[in-house]
Amino acid sequence: MSERLAFDGPVPSSRAGEGVLDLIRVQARLRAPDGCPWDREQTHRTLARHLLEEVDELRAAIDEDPDQVEAELGDVLLAAVAVARLRGLDAESALRRATATFATRAERTFALAVERGLDPERLDEDELLALYREAKDDA
């Protein structure tokens, strides 16, 4: 992996990403036998509905209320971790896998640009997305 997308280095987070782990711990506690009855009653269908509602609220905040974006993003993350817990998935592993996949595709996108004599920094959004889709298809 190139220096551009290396995983080491400073983390632009107030707690170096520990908040995600805190969220996973809270979700585990809520779904425990002696946890929250409402959380234990959730199904794949209800959690999917909640996740979509939270995504809609995040989209609205992005468009209309920038001061609410952080709160709505937190709600989306909470809902996504709840889905992972219910499905028996490790949210940390899913995030690591998604990060690695994205980094690989981004590296391939830049490599495709360079192979074609293009400057990745000068590509417009359509050109960049076309290369990204090609990198995704190559995987």
C-alpha atoms as a PDB file:
ATOM      1  CA  MET A   1       0.000   0.000   0.000  1.00  0.00           C
ATOM      2  CA  SER A   2       1.330   3.428  -0.833  1.00  0.00           C
ATOM      3  CA  GLU A   3       2.061   6.188   1.643  1.00  0.00           C
ATOM      4  CA  ARG A   4      -1.130   7.917   0.464  1.00  0.00           C
ATOM      5  CA  LEU A   5      -3.482   5.444   2.177  1.00  0.00           C
ATOM      6  CA  ALA A   6      -1.317   3.799   4.831  1.00  0.00           C
ATOM      7  CA  PHE A   7      -3.214   2.760   7.965  1.00  0.00           C
ATOM      8  CA  ASP A   8      -0.618   4.049  10.393  1.00  0.00           C
ATOM      9  CA  GLY A   9      -0.191   7.606  11.543  1.00  0.00           C
ATOM     10  CA  PRO A  10      -2.358   9.980  13.538  1.00  0.00           C
ATOM     11  CA  VAL A  11      -6.081   9.302  13.857  1.00  0.00           C
ATOM     12  CA  PRO A  12      -8.235  12.395  13.305  1.00  0.00           C
ATOM     13  CA  SER A  13     -10.450  11.546  16.256  1.00  0.00           C
ATOM     14  CA  SER A  14     -10.730  13.008  19.720  1.00  0.00           C
ATOM     15  CA  ARG A  15     -10.340   9.525  21.263  1.00  0.00           C
ATOM     16  CA  ALA A  16      -8.418   7.672  18.543  1.00  0.00           C
ATOM     17  CA  GLY A  17     -11.525   5.742  17.475  1.00  0.00           C
ATOM     18  CA  GLU A  18     -12.337   4.363  20.923  1.00  0.00           C
ATOM     19  CA  GLY A  19     -15.905   5.640  20.608  1.00  0.00           C
ATOM     20  CA  VAL A  20     -16.687   2.881  18.125  1.00  0.00           C
ATOM     21  CA  LEU A  21     -15.562   0.296  20.663  1.00  0.00           C
ATOM     22  CA  ASP A  22     -17.645   1.995  23.353  1.00  0.00           C
ATOM     23  CA  LEU A  23     -20.665   1.760  21.062  1.00  0.00           C
ATOM     24  CA  ILE A  24     -20.077  -1.961  20.524  1.00  0.00           C
ATOM     25  CA  ARG A  25     -19.845  -2.473  24.304  1.00  0.00           C
ATOM     26  CA  VAL A  26     -23.080  -0.554  24.924  1.00  0.00           C
ATOM     27  CA  GLN A  27     -24.909  -2.534  22.243  1.00  0.00           C
ATOM     28  CA  ALA A  28     -23.714  -5.802  23.771  1.00  0.00           C
ATOM     29  CA  ARG A  29     -24.941  -4.696  27.187  1.00  0.00           C
ATOM     30  CA  LEU A  30     -28.346  -3.606  25.870  1.00  0.00           C
ATOM     31  CA  ARG A  31     -28.921  -6.936  24.105  1.00  0.00           C
ATOM     32  CA  ALA A  32     -27.774  -9.018  27.088  1.00  0.00           C
ATOM     33  CA  PRO A  33     -30.409 -11.132  28.880  1.00  0.00           C
ATOM     34  CA  ASP A  34     -30.575  -8.569  31.676  1.00  0.00           C
ATOM     35  CA  GLY A  35     -30.294  -5.602  29.302  1.00  0.00           C
ATOM     36  CA  CYS A  36     -32.981  -3.523  27.629  1.00  0.00           C
ATOM     37  CA  PRO A  37     -36.217  -5.369  26.726  1.00  0.00           C
ATOM     38  CA  TRP A  38     -36.826  -3.061  23.739  1.00  0.00           C
ATOM     39  CA  ASP A  39     -33.374  -3.803  22.298  1.00  0.00           C
ATOM     40  CA  ARG A  40     -33.818  -7.544  22.764  1.00  0.00           C
ATOM     41  CA  GLU A  41     -37.194  -7.423  20.962  1.00  0.00           C
ATOM     42  CA  GLN A  42     -35.780  -5.875  17.804  1.00  0.00           C
ATOM     43  CA  THR A  43     -35.789  -7.954  14.631  1.00  0.00           C
ATOM     44  CA  HIS A  44     -33.911  -7.677  11.365  1.00  0.00           C
ATOM     45  CA  ARG A  45     -36.920  -5.918   9.890  1.00  0.00           C
ATOM     46  CA  THR A  46     -37.336  -3.355  12.686  1.00  0.00           C
ATOM     47  CA  LEU A  47     -33.609  -2.611  12.781  1.00  0.00           C
ATOM     48  CA  ALA A  48     -33.493  -2.183   9.006  1.00  0.00           C
ATOM     49  CA  ARG A  49     -36.377   0.274   9.246  1.00  0.00           C
ATOM     50  CA  HIS A  50     -34.622   2.200  12.042  1.00  0.00           C
ATOM     51  CA  LEU A  51     -31.369   2.291  10.067  1.00  0.00           C
ATOM     52  CA  LEU A  52     -33.112   3.695   6.989  1.00  0.00           C
ATOM     53  CA  GLU A  53     -34.898   6.298   9.121  1.00  0.00           C
ATOM     54  CA  GLU A  54     -31.585   7.380  10.610  1.00  0.00           C
ATOM     55  CA  VAL A  55     -29.974   7.609   7.168  1.00  0.00           C
ATOM     56  CA  ASP A  56     -32.881   9.792   6.005  1.00  0.00           C
ATOM     57  CA  GLU A  57     -32.416  12.032   9.053  1.00  0.00           C
ATOM     58  CA  LEU A  58     -28.685  12.280   8.330  1.00  0.00           C
ATOM     59  CA  ARG A  59     -29.389  13.200   4.707  1.00  0.00           C
ATOM     60  CA  ALA A  60     -31.819  15.893   5.830  1.00  0.00           C
ATOM     61  CA  ALA A  61     -29.292  17.280   8.307  1.00  0.00           C
ATOM     62  CA  ILE A  62     -26.592  17.395   5.627  1.00  0.00           C
ATOM     63  CA  ASP A  63     -28.918  19.359   3.357  1.00  0.00           C
ATOM     64  CA  GLU A  64     -30.755  21.506   5.883  1.00  0.00           C
ATOM     65  CA  ASP A  65     -29.174  21.562   9.343  1.00  0.00           C
ATOM     66  CA  PRO A  66     -25.370  21.209   9.395  1.00  0.00           C
ATOM     67  CA  ASP A  67     -25.334  21.582  13.188  1.00  0.00           C
ATOM     68  CA  GLN A  68     -27.198  18.258  13.469  1.00  0.00           C
ATOM     69  CA  VAL A  69     -24.937  16.203  11.190  1.00  0.00           C
ATOM     70  CA  GLU A  70     -22.741  14.867  13.993  1.00  0.00           C
ATOM     71  CA  ALA A  71     -25.724  13.738  16.068  1.00  0.00           C
ATOM     72  CA  GLU A  72     -27.419  12.095  13.093  1.00  0.00           C
ATOM     73  CA  LEU A  73     -24.194  10.401  12.010  1.00  0.00           C
ATOM     74  CA  GLY A  74     -23.908   8.974  15.520  1.00  0.00           C
ATOM     75  CA  ASP A  75     -27.460   7.628  15.238  1.00  0.00           C
ATOM     76  CA  VAL A  76     -26.600   5.942  11.917  1.00  0.00           C
ATOM     77  CA  LEU A  77     -23.523   4.327  13.467  1.00  0.00           C
ATOM     78  CA  LEU A  78     -25.567   3.155  16.456  1.00  0.00           C
ATOM     79  CA  ALA A  79     -28.204   1.628  14.169  1.00  0.00           C
ATOM     80  CA  ALA A  80     -25.548  -0.081  12.019  1.00  0.00           C
ATOM     81  CA  VAL A  81     -23.882  -1.634  15.068  1.00  0.00           C
ATOM     82  CA  ALA A  82     -27.293  -2.832  16.282  1.00  0.00           C
ATOM     83  CA  VAL A  83     -27.805  -4.622  12.953  1.00  0.00           C
ATOM     84  CA  ALA A  84     -24.369  -6.228  13.268  1.00  0.00           C
ATOM     85  CA  ARG A  85     -25.114  -7.422  16.802  1.00  0.00           C
ATOM     86  CA  LEU A  86     -28.451  -8.933  15.807  1.00  0.00           C
ATOM     87  CA  ARG A  87     -26.878 -10.708  12.835  1.00  0.00           C
ATOM     88  CA  GLY A  88     -24.105 -12.081  15.037  1.00  0.00           C
ATOM     89  CA  LEU A  89     -21.487 -10.072  13.148  1.00  0.00           C
ATOM     90  CA  ASP A  90     -18.457  -8.383  14.621  1.00  0.00           C
ATOM     91  CA  ALA A  91     -18.885  -4.690  13.778  1.00  0.00           C
ATOM     92  CA  GLU A  92     -15.148  -4.114  14.277  1.00  0.00           C
ATOM     93  CA  SER A  93     -14.302  -6.835  11.742  1.00  0.00           C
ATOM     94  CA  ALA A  94     -16.870  -5.478   9.295  1.00  0.00           C
ATOM     95  CA  LEU A  95     -15.396  -1.993   9.607  1.00  0.00           C
ATOM     96  CA  ARG A  96     -11.830  -3.249   9.170  1.00  0.00           C
ATOM     97  CA  ARG A  97     -12.852  -5.235   6.103  1.00  0.00           C
ATOM     98  CA  ALA A  98     -14.685  -2.271   4.590  1.00  0.00           C
ATOM     99  CA  THR A  99     -11.706  -0.009   5.297  1.00  0.00           C
ATOM    100  CA  ALA A 100      -9.276  -2.420   3.653  1.00  0.00           C
ATOM    101  CA  THR A 101     -11.584  -2.855   0.655  1.00  0.00           C
ATOM    102  CA  PHE A 102     -11.991   0.890   0.232  1.00  0.00           C
ATOM    103  CA  ALA A 103      -8.243   1.496   0.558  1.00  0.00           C
ATOM    104  CA  THR A 104      -7.493  -1.182  -2.046  1.00  0.00           C
ATOM    105  CA  ARG A 105     -10.056   0.265  -4.468  1.00  0.00           C
ATOM    106  CA  ALA A 106      -8.784   3.804  -3.908  1.00  0.00           C
ATOM    107  CA  GLU A 107      -5.202   2.684  -4.565  1.00  0.00           C
ATOM    108  CA  ARG A 108      -6.328   0.900  -7.732  1.00  0.00           C
ATOM    109  CA  THR A 109      -8.250   4.016  -8.808  1.00  0.00           C
ATOM    110  CA  PHE A 110      -5.103   6.150  -8.481  1.00  0.00           C
ATOM    111  CA  ALA A 111      -3.027   3.486 -10.253  1.00  0.00           C
ATOM    112  CA  LEU A 112      -5.486   3.362 -13.168  1.00  0.00           C
ATOM    113  CA  ALA A 113      -5.282   7.137 -13.503  1.00  0.00           C
ATOM    114  CA  VAL A 114      -1.495   7.092 -13.525  1.00  0.00           C
ATOM    115  CA  GLU A 115      -1.404   4.164 -15.998  1.00  0.00           C
ATOM    116  CA  ARG A 116      -3.489   6.300 -18.357  1.00  0.00           C
ATOM    117  CA  GLY A 117      -1.307   9.349 -17.945  1.00  0.00           C
ATOM    118  CA  LEU A 118      -3.906  11.191 -15.874  1.00  0.00           C
ATOM    119  CA  ASP A 119      -3.256  13.271 -12.783  1.00  0.00           C
ATOM    120  CA  PRO A 120      -5.586  11.909 -10.054  1.00  0.00           C
ATOM    121  CA  GLU A 121      -5.639  15.369  -8.453  1.00  0.00           C
ATOM    122  CA  ARG A 122      -7.118  16.909 -11.602  1.00  0.00           C
ATOM    123  CA  LEU A 123      -9.885  14.401 -12.318  1.00  0.00           C
ATOM    124  CA  ASP A 124     -13.445  15.640 -12.107  1.00  0.00           C
ATOM    125  CA  GLU A 125     -16.009  13.668 -10.113  1.00  0.00           C
ATOM    126  CA  ASP A 126     -17.359  11.728 -13.114  1.00  0.00           C
ATOM    127  CA  GLU A 127     -13.859  10.676 -14.228  1.00  0.00           C
ATOM    128  CA  LEU A 128     -12.892   9.658 -10.714  1.00  0.00           C
ATOM    129  CA  LEU A 129     -16.099   7.662 -10.187  1.00  0.00           C
ATOM    130  CA  ALA A 130     -15.638   5.893 -13.525  1.00  0.00           C
ATOM    131  CA  LEU A 131     -12.130   4.833 -12.502  1.00  0.00           C
ATOM    132  CA  TYR A 132     -13.361   3.811  -9.051  1.00  0.00           C
ATOM    133  CA  ARG A 133     -16.082   1.635 -10.589  1.00  0.00           C
ATOM    134  CA  GLU A 134     -13.482   0.033 -12.838  1.00  0.00           C
ATOM    135  CA  ALA A 135     -11.238  -0.604  -9.823  1.00  0.00           C
ATOM    136  CA  LYS A 136     -14.219  -2.130  -8.019  1.00  0.00           C
ATOM    137  CA  ASP A 137     -14.946  -4.413 -10.987  1.00  0.00           C
ATOM    138  CA  ASP A 138     -11.277  -5.493 -11.085  1.00  0.00           C
ATOM    139  CA  ALA A 139     -11.448  -6.789  -7.530  1.00  0.00           C
END
